[in-house]
């Protein structure tokens, strides 16, 4: 996700379908953040 954002800052240099594909990592991260069972675990807040 950090690398994708850095790439976007420089100017995203691939095609639109690849852009949406690259966003899937943020979708996966959200899946983890939204998981109730993870919210109270050590490390979640960090």
ModelCIF file with pLDDT and N, C-alpha, C, O atoms, coordinates in Angstrom:
data_MODEL
#
_entry.id   MODEL 
#
_entity.id                         1 
_entity.type                       polymer 
_entity.pdbx_number_of_molecules   1 
#
_entity_poly.entity_id                      1 
_entity_poly.type                           'polypeptide(L)' 
_entity_poly.nstd_linkage                   no 
_entity_poly.nstd_monomer                   no 
_entity_poly.pdbx_seq_one_letter_code       
;(UNK)(UNK)(UNK)(UNK)(UNK)(UNK)(UNK)(UNK)(UNK)(UNK)(UNK)(UNK)(UNK)(UNK)(UNK)(UNK)
(UNK)(UNK)(UNK)(UNK)(UNK)(UNK)(UNK)(UNK)(UNK)(UNK)(UNK)(UNK)(UNK)(UNK)(UNK)(UNK)
(UNK)(UNK)(UNK)(UNK)(UNK)(UNK)(UNK)(UNK)(UNK)(UNK)(UNK)(UNK)(UNK)(UNK)
;
_entity_poly.pdbx_seq_one_letter_code_can   XXXXXXXXXXXXXXXXXXXXXXXXXXXXXXXXXXXXXXXXXXXXXX 
_entity_poly.pdbx_strand_id                 A 
#
loop_
_entity_poly_seq.entity_id 
_entity_poly_seq.num 
_entity_poly_seq.mon_id 
_entity_poly_seq.hetero 
1 1  UNK n 
1 2  UNK n 
1 3  UNK n 
1 4  UNK n 
1 5  UNK n 
1 6  UNK n 
1 7  UNK n 
1 8  UNK n 
1 9  UNK n 
1 10 UNK n 
1 11 UNK n 
1 12 UNK n 
1 13 UNK n 
1 14 UNK n 
1 15 UNK n 
1 16 UNK n 
1 17 UNK n 
1 18 UNK n 
1 19 UNK n 
1 20 UNK n 
1 21 UNK n 
1 22 UNK n 
1 23 UNK n 
1 24 UNK n 
1 25 UNK n 
1 26 UNK n 
1 27 UNK n 
1 28 UNK n 
1 29 UNK n 
1 30 UNK n 
1 31 UNK n 
1 32 UNK n 
1 33 UNK n 
1 34 UNK n 
1 35 UNK n 
1 36 UNK n 
1 37 UNK n 
1 38 UNK n 
1 39 UNK n 
1 40 UNK n 
1 41 UNK n 
1 42 UNK n 
1 43 UNK n 
1 44 UNK n 
1 45 UNK n 
1 46 UNK n 
#
_struct_asym.id          A 
_struct_asym.entity_id   1 
#
loop_
_ma_qa_metric.id 
_ma_qa_metric.mode 
_ma_qa_metric.name 
_ma_qa_metric.software_group_id 
_ma_qa_metric.type 
1 global pLDDT . pLDDT 
2 local  pLDDT . pLDDT 
#
_ma_qa_metric_global.metric_id      1 
_ma_qa_metric_global.metric_value   95.91 
_ma_qa_metric_global.model_id       1 
_ma_qa_metric_global.ordinal_id     1 
#
loop_
_ma_qa_metric_local.label_asym_id 
_ma_qa_metric_local.label_comp_id 
_ma_qa_metric_local.label_seq_id 
_ma_qa_metric_local.metric_id 
_ma_qa_metric_local.metric_value 
_ma_qa_metric_local.model_id 
_ma_qa_metric_local.ordinal_id 
A UNK 1  2 98.00 1 1  
A UNK 2  2 98.00 1 2  
A UNK 3  2 98.00 1 3  
A UNK 4  2 98.00 1 4  
A UNK 5  2 98.00 1 5  
A UNK 6  2 97.00 1 6  
A UNK 7  2 96.00 1 7  
A UNK 8  2 97.00 1 8  
A UNK 9  2 96.00 1 9  
A UNK 10 2 95.00 1 10 
A UNK 11 2 96.00 1 11 
A UNK 12 2 96.00 1 12 
A UNK 13 2 94.00 1 13 
A UNK 14 2 94.00 1 14 
A UNK 15 2 95.00 1 15 
A UNK 16 2 96.00 1 16 
A UNK 17 2 97.00 1 17 
A UNK 18 2 97.00 1 18 
A UNK 19 2 97.00 1 19 
A UNK 20 2 96.00 1 20 
A UNK 21 2 96.00 1 21 
A UNK 22 2 97.00 1 22 
A UNK 23 2 97.00 1 23 
A UNK 24 2 96.00 1 24 
A UNK 25 2 97.00 1 25 
A UNK 26 2 98.00 1 26 
A UNK 27 2 97.00 1 27 
A UNK 28 2 97.00 1 28 
A UNK 29 2 98.00 1 29 
A UNK 30 2 98.00 1 30 
A UNK 31 2 97.00 1 31 
A UNK 32 2 96.00 1 32 
A UNK 33 2 97.00 1 33 
A UNK 34 2 96.00 1 34 
A UNK 35 2 95.00 1 35 
A UNK 36 2 94.00 1 36 
A UNK 37 2 93.00 1 37 
A UNK 38 2 95.00 1 38 
A UNK 39 2 93.00 1 39 
A UNK 40 2 89.00 1 40 
A UNK 41 2 94.00 1 41 
A UNK 42 2 93.00 1 42 
A UNK 43 2 94.00 1 43 
A UNK 44 2 96.00 1 44 
A UNK 45 2 95.00 1 45 
A UNK 46 2 95.00 1 46 
#
loop_
_atom_site.group_PDB 
_atom_site.id 
_atom_site.type_symbol 
_atom_site.label_atom_id 
_atom_site.label_alt_id 
_atom_site.label_comp_id 
_atom_site.label_asym_id 
_atom_site.label_entity_id 
_atom_site.label_seq_id 
_atom_site.pdbx_PDB_ins_code 
_atom_site.Cartn_x 
_atom_site.Cartn_y 
_atom_site.Cartn_z 
_atom_site.occupancy 
_atom_site.B_iso_or_equiv 
_atom_site.pdbx_formal_charge 
_atom_site.auth_seq_id 
_atom_site.auth_comp_id 
_atom_site.auth_asym_id 
_atom_site.auth_atom_id 
_atom_site.pdbx_PDB_model_num 
ATOM 1   N N  . UNK A 1 1  ? 0.844   -1.192  0.000   1.00 98.00 ? 1  UNK A N  1 
ATOM 2   C CA . UNK A 1 1  ? 0.000   0.000   0.000   1.00 98.00 ? 1  UNK A CA 1 
ATOM 3   C C  . UNK A 1 1  ? 0.888   1.254   0.000   1.00 98.00 ? 1  UNK A C  1 
ATOM 4   O O  . UNK A 1 1  ? 0.619   2.208   -0.730  1.00 98.00 ? 1  UNK A O  1 
ATOM 5   N N  . UNK A 1 2  ? 1.927   1.247   0.807   1.00 98.00 ? 2  UNK A N  1 
ATOM 6   C CA . UNK A 1 2  ? 2.865   2.384   0.836   1.00 98.00 ? 2  UNK A CA 1 
ATOM 7   C C  . UNK A 1 2  ? 3.515   2.585   -0.529  1.00 98.00 ? 2  UNK A C  1 
ATOM 8   O O  . UNK A 1 2  ? 3.621   3.712   -1.013  1.00 98.00 ? 2  UNK A O  1 
ATOM 9   N N  . UNK A 1 3  ? 3.948   1.490   -1.144  1.00 98.00 ? 3  UNK A N  1 
ATOM 10  C CA . UNK A 1 3  ? 4.601   1.580   -2.450  1.00 98.00 ? 3  UNK A CA 1 
ATOM 11  C C  . UNK A 1 3  ? 3.631   2.090   -3.511  1.00 98.00 ? 3  UNK A C  1 
ATOM 12  O O  . UNK A 1 3  ? 3.996   2.918   -4.345  1.00 98.00 ? 3  UNK A O  1 
ATOM 13  N N  . UNK A 1 4  ? 2.412   1.600   -3.478  1.00 98.00 ? 4  UNK A N  1 
ATOM 14  C CA . UNK A 1 4  ? 1.401   2.067   -4.425  1.00 98.00 ? 4  UNK A CA 1 
ATOM 15  C C  . UNK A 1 4  ? 1.191   3.567   -4.281  1.00 98.00 ? 4  UNK A C  1 
ATOM 16  O O  . UNK A 1 4  ? 1.150   4.284   -5.281  1.00 98.00 ? 4  UNK A O  1 
ATOM 17  N N  . UNK A 1 5  ? 1.060   4.047   -3.058  1.00 98.00 ? 5  UNK A N  1 
ATOM 18  C CA . UNK A 1 5  ? 0.848   5.476   -2.819  1.00 98.00 ? 5  UNK A CA 1 
ATOM 19  C C  . UNK A 1 5  ? 2.057   6.279   -3.288  1.00 98.00 ? 5  UNK A C  1 
ATOM 20  O O  . UNK A 1 5  ? 1.900   7.356   -3.862  1.00 98.00 ? 5  UNK A O  1 
ATOM 21  N N  . UNK A 1 6  ? 3.257   5.767   -3.049  1.00 97.00 ? 6  UNK A N  1 
ATOM 22  C CA . UNK A 1 6  ? 4.464   6.446   -3.519  1.00 97.00 ? 6  UNK A CA 1 
ATOM 23  C C  . UNK A 1 6  ? 4.474   6.521   -5.048  1.00 97.00 ? 6  UNK A C  1 
ATOM 24  O O  . UNK A 1 6  ? 4.861   7.540   -5.620  1.00 97.00 ? 6  UNK A O  1 
ATOM 25  N N  . UNK A 1 7  ? 4.050   5.446   -5.701  1.00 96.00 ? 7  UNK A N  1 
ATOM 26  C CA . UNK A 1 7  ? 3.967   5.433   -7.157  1.00 96.00 ? 7  UNK A CA 1 
ATOM 27  C C  . UNK A 1 7  ? 2.960   6.468   -7.644  1.00 96.00 ? 7  UNK A C  1 
ATOM 28  O O  . UNK A 1 7  ? 3.209   7.173   -8.622  1.00 96.00 ? 7  UNK A O  1 
ATOM 29  N N  . UNK A 1 8  ? 1.835   6.555   -6.966  1.00 97.00 ? 8  UNK A N  1 
ATOM 30  C CA . UNK A 1 8  ? 0.818   7.543   -7.338  1.00 97.00 ? 8  UNK A CA 1 
ATOM 31  C C  . UNK A 1 8  ? 1.335   8.968   -7.159  1.00 97.00 ? 8  UNK A C  1 
ATOM 32  O O  . UNK A 1 8  ? 0.995   9.861   -7.935  1.00 97.00 ? 8  UNK A O  1 
ATOM 33  N N  . UNK A 1 9  ? 2.142   9.171   -6.149  1.00 96.00 ? 9  UNK A N  1 
ATOM 34  C CA . UNK A 1 9  ? 2.697   10.495  -5.900  1.00 96.00 ? 9  UNK A CA 1 
ATOM 35  C C  . UNK A 1 9  ? 3.597   10.927  -7.062  1.00 96.00 ? 9  UNK A C  1 
ATOM 36  O O  . UNK A 1 9  ? 3.606   12.095  -7.451  1.00 96.00 ? 9  UNK A O  1 
ATOM 37  N N  . UNK A 1 10 ? 4.345   9.981   -7.604  1.00 95.00 ? 10 UNK A N  1 
ATOM 38  C CA . UNK A 1 10 ? 5.220   10.271  -8.742  1.00 95.00 ? 10 UNK A CA 1 
ATOM 39  C C  . UNK A 1 10 ? 4.422   10.417  -10.039 1.00 95.00 ? 10 UNK A C  1 
ATOM 40  O O  . UNK A 1 10 ? 4.864   11.081  -10.977 1.00 95.00 ? 10 UNK A O  1 
ATOM 41  N N  . UNK A 1 11 ? 3.259   9.800   -10.082 1.00 96.00 ? 11 UNK A N  1 
ATOM 42  C CA . UNK A 1 11 ? 2.424   9.764   -11.278 1.00 96.00 ? 11 UNK A CA 1 
ATOM 43  C C  . UNK A 1 11 ? 2.200   8.320   -11.676 1.00 96.00 ? 11 UNK A C  1 
ATOM 44  O O  . UNK A 1 11 ? 3.118   7.658   -12.161 1.00 96.00 ? 11 UNK A O  1 
ATOM 45  N N  . UNK A 1 12 ? 0.993   7.827   -11.476 1.00 96.00 ? 12 UNK A N  1 
ATOM 46  C CA . UNK A 1 12 ? 0.706   6.421   -11.752 1.00 96.00 ? 12 UNK A CA 1 
ATOM 47  C C  . UNK A 1 12 ? 0.994   6.133   -13.218 1.00 96.00 ? 12 UNK A C  1 
ATOM 48  O O  . UNK A 1 12 ? 0.493   6.833   -14.098 1.00 96.00 ? 12 UNK A O  1 
ATOM 49  N N  . UNK A 1 13 ? 1.801   5.105   -13.486 1.00 94.00 ? 13 UNK A N  1 
ATOM 50  C CA . UNK A 1 13 ? 2.296   4.895   -14.849 1.00 94.00 ? 13 UNK A CA 1 
ATOM 51  C C  . UNK A 1 13 ? 1.878   3.557   -15.466 1.00 94.00 ? 13 UNK A C  1 
ATOM 52  O O  . UNK A 1 13 ? 2.629   2.962   -16.239 1.00 94.00 ? 13 UNK A O  1 
ATOM 53  N N  . UNK A 1 14 ? 0.698   3.098   -15.125 1.00 94.00 ? 14 UNK A N  1 
ATOM 54  C CA . UNK A 1 14 ? 0.198   1.866   -15.723 1.00 94.00 ? 14 UNK A CA 1 
ATOM 55  C C  . UNK A 1 14 ? -1.206  2.144   -16.254 1.00 94.00 ? 14 UNK A C  1 
ATOM 56  O O  . UNK A 1 14 ? -1.641  3.295   -16.282 1.00 94.00 ? 14 UNK A O  1 
ATOM 57  N N  . UNK A 1 15 ? -1.903  1.121   -16.666 1.00 95.00 ? 15 UNK A N  1 
ATOM 58  C CA . UNK A 1 15 ? -3.242  1.271   -17.240 1.00 95.00 ? 15 UNK A CA 1 
ATOM 59  C C  . UNK A 1 15 ? -4.296  1.255   -16.131 1.00 95.00 ? 15 UNK A C  1 
ATOM 60  O O  . UNK A 1 15 ? -4.030  0.826   -15.008 1.00 95.00 ? 15 UNK A O  1 
ATOM 61  N N  . UNK A 1 16 ? -5.479  1.722   -16.466 1.00 96.00 ? 16 UNK A N  1 
ATOM 62  C CA . UNK A 1 16 ? -6.569  1.825   -15.498 1.00 96.00 ? 16 UNK A CA 1 
ATOM 63  C C  . UNK A 1 16 ? -6.946  0.483   -14.865 1.00 96.00 ? 16 UNK A C  1 
ATOM 64  O O  . UNK A 1 16 ? -7.131  0.435   -13.649 1.00 96.00 ? 16 UNK A O  1 
ATOM 65  N N  . UNK A 1 17 ? -7.071  -0.615  -15.633 1.00 97.00 ? 17 UNK A N  1 
ATOM 66  C CA . UNK A 1 17 ? -7.392  -1.886  -14.974 1.00 97.00 ? 17 UNK A CA 1 
ATOM 67  C C  . UNK A 1 17 ? -6.339  -2.283  -13.928 1.00 97.00 ? 17 UNK A C  1 
ATOM 68  O O  . UNK A 1 17 ? -6.676  -2.843  -12.885 1.00 97.00 ? 17 UNK A O  1 
ATOM 69  N N  . UNK A 1 18 ? -5.086  -1.995  -14.210 1.00 97.00 ? 18 UNK A N  1 
ATOM 70  C CA . UNK A 1 18 ? -4.024  -2.315  -13.257 1.00 97.00 ? 18 UNK A CA 1 
ATOM 71  C C  . UNK A 1 18 ? -4.128  -1.428  -12.014 1.00 97.00 ? 18 UNK A C  1 
ATOM 72  O O  . UNK A 1 18 ? -3.845  -1.883  -10.905 1.00 97.00 ? 18 UNK A O  1 
ATOM 73  N N  . UNK A 1 19 ? -4.526  -0.183  -12.188 1.00 97.00 ? 19 UNK A N  1 
ATOM 74  C CA . UNK A 1 19 ? -4.737  0.717   -11.050 1.00 97.00 ? 19 UNK A CA 1 
ATOM 75  C C  . UNK A 1 19 ? -5.765  0.108   -10.095 1.00 97.00 ? 19 UNK A C  1 
ATOM 76  O O  . UNK A 1 19 ? -5.530  0.022   -8.890  1.00 97.00 ? 19 UNK A O  1 
ATOM 77  N N  . UNK A 1 20 ? -6.894  -0.310  -10.641 1.00 96.00 ? 20 UNK A N  1 
ATOM 78  C CA . UNK A 1 20 ? -7.934  -0.909  -9.788  1.00 96.00 ? 20 UNK A CA 1 
ATOM 79  C C  . UNK A 1 20 ? -7.461  -2.230  -9.193  1.00 96.00 ? 20 UNK A C  1 
ATOM 80  O O  . UNK A 1 20 ? -7.816  -2.564  -8.063  1.00 96.00 ? 20 UNK A O  1 
ATOM 81  N N  . UNK A 1 21 ? -6.674  -2.972  -9.937  1.00 96.00 ? 21 UNK A N  1 
ATOM 82  C CA . UNK A 1 21 ? -6.096  -4.202  -9.391  1.00 96.00 ? 21 UNK A CA 1 
ATOM 83  C C  . UNK A 1 21 ? -5.173  -3.873  -8.217  1.00 96.00 ? 21 UNK A C  1 
ATOM 84  O O  . UNK A 1 21 ? -5.212  -4.542  -7.184  1.00 96.00 ? 21 UNK A O  1 
ATOM 85  N N  . UNK A 1 22 ? -4.358  -2.859  -8.378  1.00 97.00 ? 22 UNK A N  1 
ATOM 86  C CA . UNK A 1 22 ? -3.440  -2.459  -7.316  1.00 97.00 ? 22 UNK A CA 1 
ATOM 87  C C  . UNK A 1 22 ? -4.175  -2.011  -6.049  1.00 97.00 ? 22 UNK A C  1 
ATOM 88  O O  . UNK A 1 22 ? -3.657  -2.166  -4.943  1.00 97.00 ? 22 UNK A O  1 
ATOM 89  N N  . UNK A 1 23 ? -5.363  -1.464  -6.207  1.00 97.00 ? 23 UNK A N  1 
ATOM 90  C CA . UNK A 1 23 ? -6.145  -1.038  -5.043  1.00 97.00 ? 23 UNK A CA 1 
ATOM 91  C C  . UNK A 1 23 ? -6.637  -2.219  -4.204  1.00 97.00 ? 23 UNK A C  1 
ATOM 92  O O  . UNK A 1 23 ? -7.067  -2.036  -3.065  1.00 97.00 ? 23 UNK A O  1 
ATOM 93  N N  . UNK A 1 24 ? -6.576  -3.409  -4.756  1.00 96.00 ? 24 UNK A N  1 
ATOM 94  C CA . UNK A 1 24 ? -7.062  -4.580  -4.010  1.00 96.00 ? 24 UNK A CA 1 
ATOM 95  C C  . UNK A 1 24 ? -6.295  -4.801  -2.716  1.00 96.00 ? 24 UNK A C  1 
ATOM 96  O O  . UNK A 1 24 ? -6.844  -5.356  -1.765  1.00 96.00 ? 24 UNK A O  1 
ATOM 97  N N  . UNK A 1 25 ? -5.040  -4.378  -2.662  1.00 97.00 ? 25 UNK A N  1 
ATOM 98  C CA . UNK A 1 25 ? -4.287  -4.534  -1.414  1.00 97.00 ? 25 UNK A CA 1 
ATOM 99  C C  . UNK A 1 25 ? -4.938  -3.699  -0.308  1.00 97.00 ? 25 UNK A C  1 
ATOM 100 O O  . UNK A 1 25 ? -4.982  -4.120  0.848   1.00 97.00 ? 25 UNK A O  1 
ATOM 101 N N  . UNK A 1 26 ? -5.442  -2.519  -0.664  1.00 98.00 ? 26 UNK A N  1 
ATOM 102 C CA . UNK A 1 26 ? -6.109  -1.701  0.365   1.00 98.00 ? 26 UNK A CA 1 
ATOM 103 C C  . UNK A 1 26 ? -7.431  -2.337  0.765   1.00 98.00 ? 26 UNK A C  1 
ATOM 104 O O  . UNK A 1 26 ? -7.840  -2.236  1.922   1.00 98.00 ? 26 UNK A O  1 
ATOM 105 N N  . UNK A 1 27 ? -8.106  -2.991  -0.177  1.00 97.00 ? 27 UNK A N  1 
ATOM 106 C CA . UNK A 1 27 ? -9.327  -3.729  0.146   1.00 97.00 ? 27 UNK A CA 1 
ATOM 107 C C  . UNK A 1 27 ? -9.020  -4.844  1.147   1.00 97.00 ? 27 UNK A C  1 
ATOM 108 O O  . UNK A 1 27 ? -9.770  -5.051  2.100   1.00 97.00 ? 27 UNK A O  1 
ATOM 109 N N  . UNK A 1 28 ? -7.923  -5.554  0.928   1.00 97.00 ? 28 UNK A N  1 
ATOM 110 C CA . UNK A 1 28 ? -7.526  -6.626  1.840   1.00 97.00 ? 28 UNK A CA 1 
ATOM 111 C C  . UNK A 1 28 ? -7.195  -6.076  3.216   1.00 97.00 ? 28 UNK A C  1 
ATOM 112 O O  . UNK A 1 28 ? -7.575  -6.656  4.233   1.00 97.00 ? 28 UNK A O  1 
ATOM 113 N N  . UNK A 1 29 ? -6.487  -4.955  3.245   1.00 98.00 ? 29 UNK A N  1 
ATOM 114 C CA . UNK A 1 29 ? -6.167  -4.323  4.530   1.00 98.00 ? 29 UNK A CA 1 
ATOM 115 C C  . UNK A 1 29 ? -7.453  -3.976  5.266   1.00 98.00 ? 29 UNK A C  1 
ATOM 116 O O  . UNK A 1 29 ? -7.560  -4.189  6.474   1.00 98.00 ? 29 UNK A O  1 
ATOM 117 N N  . UNK A 1 30 ? -8.409  -3.451  4.552   1.00 98.00 ? 30 UNK A N  1 
ATOM 118 C CA . UNK A 1 30 ? -9.678  -3.076  5.188   1.00 98.00 ? 30 UNK A CA 1 
ATOM 119 C C  . UNK A 1 30 ? -10.393 -4.298  5.750   1.00 98.00 ? 30 UNK A C  1 
ATOM 120 O O  . UNK A 1 30 ? -11.028 -4.229  6.803   1.00 98.00 ? 30 UNK A O  1 
ATOM 121 N N  . UNK A 1 31 ? -10.284 -5.410  5.044   1.00 97.00 ? 31 UNK A N  1 
ATOM 122 C CA . UNK A 1 31 ? -10.886 -6.657  5.540   1.00 97.00 ? 31 UNK A CA 1 
ATOM 123 C C  . UNK A 1 31 ? -10.313 -6.979  6.920   1.00 97.00 ? 31 UNK A C  1 
ATOM 124 O O  . UNK A 1 31 ? -11.050 -7.363  7.828   1.00 97.00 ? 31 UNK A O  1 
ATOM 125 N N  . UNK A 1 32 ? -9.009  -6.822  7.072   1.00 96.00 ? 32 UNK A N  1 
ATOM 126 C CA . UNK A 1 32 ? -8.379  -7.072  8.368   1.00 96.00 ? 32 UNK A CA 1 
ATOM 127 C C  . UNK A 1 32 ? -8.781  -6.050  9.411   1.00 96.00 ? 32 UNK A C  1 
ATOM 128 O O  . UNK A 1 32 ? -9.031  -6.407  10.562  1.00 96.00 ? 32 UNK A O  1 
ATOM 129 N N  . UNK A 1 33 ? -8.849  -4.787  9.029   1.00 97.00 ? 33 UNK A N  1 
ATOM 130 C CA . UNK A 1 33 ? -9.219  -3.738  9.985   1.00 97.00 ? 33 UNK A CA 1 
ATOM 131 C C  . UNK A 1 33 ? -10.676 -3.843  10.422  1.00 97.00 ? 33 UNK A C  1 
ATOM 132 O O  . UNK A 1 33 ? -11.024 -3.465  11.540  1.00 97.00 ? 33 UNK A O  1 
ATOM 133 N N  . UNK A 1 34 ? -11.515 -4.353  9.545   1.00 96.00 ? 34 UNK A N  1 
ATOM 134 C CA . UNK A 1 34 ? -12.942 -4.456  9.850   1.00 96.00 ? 34 UNK A CA 1 
ATOM 135 C C  . UNK A 1 34 ? -13.290 -5.718  10.635  1.00 96.00 ? 34 UNK A C  1 
ATOM 136 O O  . UNK A 1 34 ? -14.408 -5.844  11.135  1.00 96.00 ? 34 UNK A O  1 
ATOM 137 N N  . UNK A 1 35 ? -12.359 -6.643  10.748  1.00 95.00 ? 35 UNK A N  1 
ATOM 138 C CA . UNK A 1 35 ? -12.613 -7.918  11.423  1.00 95.00 ? 35 UNK A CA 1 
ATOM 139 C C  . UNK A 1 35 ? -12.728 -7.699  12.934  1.00 95.00 ? 35 UNK A C  1 
ATOM 140 O O  . UNK A 1 35 ? -11.761 -7.321  13.595  1.00 95.00 ? 35 UNK A O  1 
ATOM 141 N N  . UNK A 1 36 ? -13.919 -7.943  13.463  1.00 94.00 ? 36 UNK A N  1 
ATOM 142 C CA . UNK A 1 36 ? -14.164 -7.735  14.899  1.00 94.00 ? 36 UNK A CA 1 
ATOM 143 C C  . UNK A 1 36 ? -13.194 -8.513  15.778  1.00 94.00 ? 36 UNK A C  1 
ATOM 144 O O  . UNK A 1 36 ? -12.748 -8.007  16.807  1.00 94.00 ? 36 UNK A O  1 
ATOM 145 N N  . UNK A 1 37 ? -12.869 -9.720  15.386  1.00 93.00 ? 37 UNK A N  1 
ATOM 146 C CA . UNK A 1 37 ? -12.006 -10.549 16.227  1.00 93.00 ? 37 UNK A CA 1 
ATOM 147 C C  . UNK A 1 37 ? -10.580 -9.991  16.333  1.00 93.00 ? 37 UNK A C  1 
ATOM 148 O O  . UNK A 1 37 ? -9.836  -10.366 17.240  1.00 93.00 ? 37 UNK A O  1 
ATOM 149 N N  . UNK A 1 38 ? -10.199 -9.106  15.419  1.00 95.00 ? 38 UNK A N  1 
ATOM 150 C CA . UNK A 1 38 ? -8.849  -8.534  15.455  1.00 95.00 ? 38 UNK A CA 1 
ATOM 151 C C  . UNK A 1 38 ? -8.777  -7.212  16.208  1.00 95.00 ? 38 UNK A C  1 
ATOM 152 O O  . UNK A 1 38 ? -7.695  -6.790  16.616  1.00 95.00 ? 38 UNK A O  1 
ATOM 153 N N  . UNK A 1 39 ? -9.896  -6.570  16.392  1.00 93.00 ? 39 UNK A N  1 
ATOM 154 C CA . UNK A 1 39 ? -9.887  -5.216  16.954  1.00 93.00 ? 39 UNK A CA 1 
ATOM 155 C C  . UNK A 1 39 ? -9.266  -5.111  18.338  1.00 93.00 ? 39 UNK A C  1 
ATOM 156 O O  . UNK A 1 39 ? -8.677  -4.078  18.656  1.00 93.00 ? 39 UNK A O  1 
ATOM 157 N N  . UNK A 1 40 ? -9.371  -6.099  19.143  1.00 89.00 ? 40 UNK A N  1 
ATOM 158 C CA . UNK A 1 40 ? -8.812  -6.018  20.480  1.00 89.00 ? 40 UNK A CA 1 
ATOM 159 C C  . UNK A 1 40 ? -7.430  -6.634  20.612  1.00 89.00 ? 40 UNK A C  1 
ATOM 160 O O  . UNK A 1 40 ? -6.864  -6.650  21.705  1.00 89.00 ? 40 UNK A O  1 
ATOM 161 N N  . UNK A 1 41 ? -6.885  -7.133  19.531  1.00 94.00 ? 41 UNK A N  1 
ATOM 162 C CA . UNK A 1 41 ? -5.604  -7.826  19.633  1.00 94.00 ? 41 UNK A CA 1 
ATOM 163 C C  . UNK A 1 41 ? -4.456  -6.834  19.773  1.00 94.00 ? 41 UNK A C  1 
ATOM 164 O O  . UNK A 1 41 ? -4.528  -5.693  19.318  1.00 94.00 ? 41 UNK A O  1 
ATOM 165 N N  . UNK A 1 42 ? -3.393  -7.310  20.420  1.00 93.00 ? 42 UNK A N  1 
ATOM 166 C CA . UNK A 1 42 ? -2.178  -6.494  20.503  1.00 93.00 ? 42 UNK A CA 1 
ATOM 167 C C  . UNK A 1 42 ? -1.635  -6.306  19.098  1.00 93.00 ? 42 UNK A C  1 
ATOM 168 O O  . UNK A 1 42 ? -1.467  -7.273  18.354  1.00 93.00 ? 42 UNK A O  1 
ATOM 169 N N  . UNK A 1 43 ? -1.369  -5.093  18.746  1.00 94.00 ? 43 UNK A N  1 
ATOM 170 C CA . UNK A 1 43 ? -0.853  -4.785  17.420  1.00 94.00 ? 43 UNK A CA 1 
ATOM 171 C C  . UNK A 1 43 ? -1.873  -4.156  16.492  1.00 94.00 ? 43 UNK A C  1 
ATOM 172 O O  . UNK A 1 43 ? -1.500  -3.502  15.518  1.00 94.00 ? 43 UNK A O  1 
ATOM 173 N N  . UNK A 1 44 ? -3.147  -4.340  16.774  1.00 96.00 ? 44 UNK A N  1 
ATOM 174 C CA . UNK A 1 44 ? -4.188  -3.773  15.909  1.00 96.00 ? 44 UNK A CA 1 
ATOM 175 C C  . UNK A 1 44 ? -4.050  -2.266  15.818  1.00 96.00 ? 44 UNK A C  1 
ATOM 176 O O  . UNK A 1 44 ? -4.039  -1.716  14.716  1.00 96.00 ? 44 UNK A O  1 
ATOM 177 N N  . UNK A 1 45 ? -3.945  -1.587  16.948  1.00 95.00 ? 45 UNK A N  1 
ATOM 178 C CA . UNK A 1 45 ? -3.876  -0.124  16.948  1.00 95.00 ? 45 UNK A CA 1 
ATOM 179 C C  . UNK A 1 45 ? -2.645  0.382   16.208  1.00 95.00 ? 45 UNK A C  1 
ATOM 180 O O  . UNK A 1 45 ? -2.719  1.378   15.488  1.00 95.00 ? 45 UNK A O  1 
ATOM 181 N N  . UNK A 1 46 ? -1.520  -0.293  16.380  1.00 95.00 ? 46 UNK A N  1 
ATOM 182 C CA . UNK A 1 46 ? -0.302  0.108   15.668  1.00 95.00 ? 46 UNK A CA 1 
ATOM 183 C C  . UNK A 1 46 ? -0.483  -0.037  14.158  1.00 95.00 ? 46 UNK A C  1 
ATOM 184 O O  . UNK A 1 46 ? 0.437   0.255   13.395  1.00 95.00 ? 46 UNK A O  1 
#
